[in-house]
Every structure is written in structure tokens, then in C-alpha cells.
């Protein structure tokens, strides 16, 4: 079945993925693996979103821990 698909000009899904990965590895080894402007923009946007979520989470944890420490100090005094 797989031979029939290859002879027909169609690769099974796993072979297609392997082909793409081998092409990518060949480009990386030869130094031709460059990103275009759209890919840089996409990575920059993802980085900005991750940093925003991280900073907001840290701020929320900081506010909550301040409240807990204040309550503990009130109970101790």
C-alpha cells in the first residue's frame, strides 16, 4: 500500500513529515535556515504574550503574599 502511494506521487503522512524534517535539517546544516519577517514578528508576539502573563502572575502572587503576611503579623501582635 505504501509503495503504491509513493509511486503515485503521494507520500504517506509520516513520510511527508520525515521529508520536511530532513529538508529542515539539511537547511540548518548548510546555514540556509533563515526566518522571514513574518516569522520574526510571530515569535516576538509570542514572547510578548508569555512575558505579560508571567509578569501579571508574579504581581498577583506578590499582592496575595503581602496580604497573607499582613494578616499573620496582625494575629501575632
N, C-alpha and C. Protein backbone atom coordinates (compact mmCIF):
# COMPACT_ATOMS: atom_id res chain seq x y z
N UNK A 1 0.83 -1.20 0.00
CA UNK A 1 0.00 0.00 0.00
C UNK A 1 0.88 1.26 0.00
N UNK A 2 1.90 1.27 0.88
CA UNK A 2 2.77 2.44 0.94
C UNK A 2 3.54 2.62 -0.36
N UNK A 3 3.95 1.49 -0.97
CA UNK A 3 4.67 1.57 -2.24
C UNK A 3 3.77 2.15 -3.33
N UNK A 4 2.50 1.78 -3.30
CA UNK A 4 1.57 2.30 -4.30
C UNK A 4 1.41 3.80 -4.16
N UNK A 5 1.35 4.28 -2.90
CA UNK A 5 1.19 5.71 -2.68
C UNK A 5 2.44 6.47 -3.13
N UNK A 6 3.61 5.91 -2.88
CA UNK A 6 4.83 6.59 -3.29
C UNK A 6 4.95 6.62 -4.81
N UNK A 7 4.58 5.53 -5.46
CA UNK A 7 4.67 5.51 -6.92
C UNK A 7 3.66 6.45 -7.55
N UNK A 8 2.55 6.67 -6.85
CA UNK A 8 1.54 7.56 -7.38
C UNK A 8 1.91 9.03 -7.18
N UNK A 9 3.03 9.29 -6.51
CA UNK A 9 3.45 10.66 -6.28
C UNK A 9 2.97 11.21 -4.95
N UNK A 10 2.33 10.37 -4.14
CA UNK A 10 1.83 10.79 -2.84
C UNK A 10 2.60 10.05 -1.76
N UNK A 11 3.02 10.77 -0.74
CA UNK A 11 3.72 10.14 0.37
C UNK A 11 2.76 9.99 1.53
N UNK A 12 2.86 8.90 2.27
CA UNK A 12 2.06 8.80 3.49
C UNK A 12 2.43 9.94 4.44
N UNK A 13 1.56 10.21 5.38
CA UNK A 13 1.73 11.36 6.26
C UNK A 13 3.05 11.30 7.03
N UNK A 14 3.44 10.14 7.53
CA UNK A 14 4.68 10.05 8.29
C UNK A 14 5.89 10.29 7.40
N UNK A 15 5.85 9.76 6.17
CA UNK A 15 6.96 10.00 5.25
C UNK A 15 7.05 11.47 4.88
N UNK A 16 5.92 12.13 4.75
CA UNK A 16 5.90 13.55 4.42
C UNK A 16 6.54 14.36 5.55
N UNK A 17 6.21 14.01 6.80
CA UNK A 17 6.79 14.70 7.94
C UNK A 17 8.30 14.45 7.99
N UNK A 18 8.71 13.21 7.76
CA UNK A 18 10.13 12.91 7.76
C UNK A 18 10.85 13.67 6.64
N UNK A 19 10.20 13.80 5.51
CA UNK A 19 10.80 14.54 4.40
C UNK A 19 10.98 16.01 4.76
N UNK A 20 9.96 16.60 5.37
CA UNK A 20 10.06 18.00 5.77
C UNK A 20 11.15 18.19 6.83
N UNK A 21 11.21 17.27 7.79
CA UNK A 21 12.23 17.38 8.83
C UNK A 21 13.63 17.22 8.25
N UNK A 22 13.80 16.29 7.32
CA UNK A 22 15.12 16.11 6.73
C UNK A 22 15.51 17.34 5.89
N UNK A 23 14.54 17.95 5.22
CA UNK A 23 14.83 19.17 4.47
C UNK A 23 15.24 20.30 5.42
N UNK A 24 14.53 20.40 6.56
CA UNK A 24 14.86 21.43 7.53
C UNK A 24 16.25 21.21 8.10
N UNK A 25 16.57 19.96 8.45
CA UNK A 25 17.91 19.66 8.98
C UNK A 25 18.99 19.97 7.95
N UNK A 26 18.73 19.66 6.70
CA UNK A 26 19.69 19.96 5.65
C UNK A 26 19.91 21.47 5.54
N UNK A 27 18.82 22.25 5.64
CA UNK A 27 18.94 23.71 5.57
C UNK A 27 19.68 24.26 6.77
N UNK A 28 19.44 23.69 7.96
CA UNK A 28 20.13 24.16 9.17
C UNK A 28 21.63 23.88 9.06
N UNK A 29 21.97 22.68 8.62
CA UNK A 29 23.39 22.33 8.49
C UNK A 29 24.10 23.21 7.48
N UNK A 30 23.42 23.59 6.42
CA UNK A 30 24.07 24.38 5.39
C UNK A 30 24.02 25.89 5.69
N UNK A 31 23.32 26.27 6.75
CA UNK A 31 23.24 27.68 7.11
C UNK A 31 22.18 28.44 6.34
N UNK A 32 21.29 27.74 5.66
CA UNK A 32 20.26 28.40 4.87
C UNK A 32 18.94 28.55 5.62
N UNK A 33 18.91 28.14 6.87
CA UNK A 33 17.66 28.19 7.64
C UNK A 33 17.47 29.59 8.21
N UNK A 34 16.96 30.48 7.39
CA UNK A 34 16.72 31.84 7.82
C UNK A 34 15.23 32.05 7.98
N UNK A 35 14.87 32.96 8.85
CA UNK A 35 13.47 33.29 9.09
C UNK A 35 13.12 34.55 8.32
N UNK A 36 11.89 34.61 7.88
CA UNK A 36 11.47 35.83 7.21
C UNK A 36 10.86 36.78 8.25
N UNK A 37 10.49 37.95 7.82
CA UNK A 37 10.00 38.99 8.73
C UNK A 37 8.73 38.55 9.45
N UNK A 38 7.85 37.85 8.77
CA UNK A 38 6.60 37.41 9.40
C UNK A 38 6.88 36.42 10.53
N UNK A 39 7.86 35.55 10.35
CA UNK A 39 8.19 34.59 11.40
C UNK A 39 8.80 35.30 12.61
N UNK A 40 9.67 36.29 12.37
CA UNK A 40 10.21 37.06 13.48
C UNK A 40 9.11 37.79 14.24
N UNK A 41 8.16 38.35 13.52
CA UNK A 41 7.04 39.05 14.17
C UNK A 41 6.20 38.08 14.99
N UNK A 42 5.99 36.89 14.47
CA UNK A 42 5.21 35.89 15.20
C UNK A 42 5.91 35.48 16.49
N UNK A 43 7.22 35.24 16.42
CA UNK A 43 7.98 34.88 17.61
C UNK A 43 8.02 36.03 18.62
N UNK A 44 8.13 37.25 18.14
CA UNK A 44 8.13 38.42 19.04
C UNK A 44 6.79 38.55 19.75
N UNK A 45 5.71 38.32 19.02
CA UNK A 45 4.37 38.40 19.62
C UNK A 45 4.20 37.32 20.68
N UNK A 46 4.63 36.09 20.37
CA UNK A 46 4.51 35.01 21.36
C UNK A 46 5.34 35.31 22.60
N UNK A 47 6.55 35.85 22.41
CA UNK A 47 7.40 36.21 23.54
C UNK A 47 6.74 37.29 24.39
N UNK A 48 6.15 38.29 23.74
CA UNK A 48 5.48 39.37 24.48
C UNK A 48 4.31 38.83 25.29
N UNK A 49 3.55 37.92 24.72
CA UNK A 49 2.41 37.34 25.44
C UNK A 49 2.88 36.54 26.64
N UNK A 50 3.92 35.73 26.47
CA UNK A 50 4.44 34.92 27.57
C UNK A 50 4.99 35.82 28.67
N UNK A 51 5.73 36.86 28.31
CA UNK A 51 6.26 37.78 29.32
C UNK A 51 5.15 38.51 30.07
N UNK A 52 4.12 38.92 29.36
CA UNK A 52 2.99 39.60 30.00
C UNK A 52 2.30 38.69 31.01
N UNK A 53 2.04 37.47 30.62
CA UNK A 53 1.38 36.54 31.52
C UNK A 53 2.26 36.25 32.74
N UNK A 54 3.57 36.11 32.51
CA UNK A 54 4.50 35.84 33.61
C UNK A 54 4.54 37.01 34.59
N UNK A 55 4.63 38.22 34.07
CA UNK A 55 4.68 39.40 34.95
C UNK A 55 3.38 39.60 35.72
N UNK A 56 2.24 39.39 35.05
CA UNK A 56 0.96 39.53 35.75
C UNK A 56 0.80 38.47 36.83
N UNK A 57 1.24 37.27 36.55
CA UNK A 57 1.17 36.20 37.56
C UNK A 57 2.06 36.53 38.75
N UNK A 58 3.26 37.00 38.49
CA UNK A 58 4.17 37.36 39.59
C UNK A 58 3.60 38.51 40.41
N UNK A 59 2.99 39.48 39.77
CA UNK A 59 2.40 40.61 40.50
C UNK A 59 1.23 40.13 41.35
N UNK A 60 0.41 39.24 40.81
CA UNK A 60 -0.73 38.73 41.56
C UNK A 60 -0.27 37.92 42.77
N UNK A 61 0.76 37.09 42.59
CA UNK A 61 1.29 36.32 43.71
C UNK A 61 1.89 37.25 44.76
N UNK A 62 2.56 38.30 44.30
CA UNK A 62 3.16 39.26 45.23
C UNK A 62 2.10 39.98 46.07
N UNK A 63 1.02 40.40 45.42
CA UNK A 63 -0.06 41.06 46.17
C UNK A 63 -0.70 40.11 47.16
N UNK A 64 -0.93 38.88 46.75
CA UNK A 64 -1.57 37.90 47.63
C UNK A 64 -0.66 37.57 48.81
N UNK A 65 0.63 37.40 48.57
CA UNK A 65 1.55 37.08 49.66
C UNK A 65 1.67 38.25 50.63
N UNK A 66 1.61 39.47 50.14
CA UNK A 66 1.65 40.64 51.03
C UNK A 66 0.43 40.64 51.95
N UNK A 67 -0.72 40.31 51.41
CA UNK A 67 -1.94 40.25 52.22
C UNK A 67 -1.82 39.16 53.28
N UNK A 68 -1.32 38.00 52.93
CA UNK A 68 -1.18 36.89 53.87
C UNK A 68 -0.19 37.25 54.97
N UNK A 69 0.92 37.85 54.62
CA UNK A 69 1.92 38.22 55.63
C UNK A 69 1.36 39.28 56.57
N UNK A 70 0.59 40.22 56.04
CA UNK A 70 -0.02 41.24 56.89
C UNK A 70 -1.00 40.62 57.88
N UNK A 71 -1.79 39.68 57.42
CA UNK A 71 -2.74 39.01 58.31
C UNK A 71 -2.02 38.23 59.41
N UNK A 72 -0.95 37.55 59.08
CA UNK A 72 -0.19 36.80 60.05
C UNK A 72 0.43 37.72 61.09
N UNK A 73 0.98 38.86 60.64
CA UNK A 73 1.59 39.80 61.59
C UNK A 73 0.54 40.42 62.52
N UNK A 74 -0.68 40.63 62.01
CA UNK A 74 -1.75 41.15 62.88
C UNK A 74 -2.14 40.13 63.93
N UNK A 75 -2.18 38.86 63.55
CA UNK A 75 -2.56 37.82 64.51
C UNK A 75 -1.48 37.59 65.55
N UNK A 76 -0.22 37.79 65.19
CA UNK A 76 0.88 37.59 66.13
C UNK A 76 1.00 38.74 67.12
N UNK A 77 0.56 39.92 66.73
CA UNK A 77 0.71 41.05 67.65
C UNK A 77 -0.51 41.29 68.50
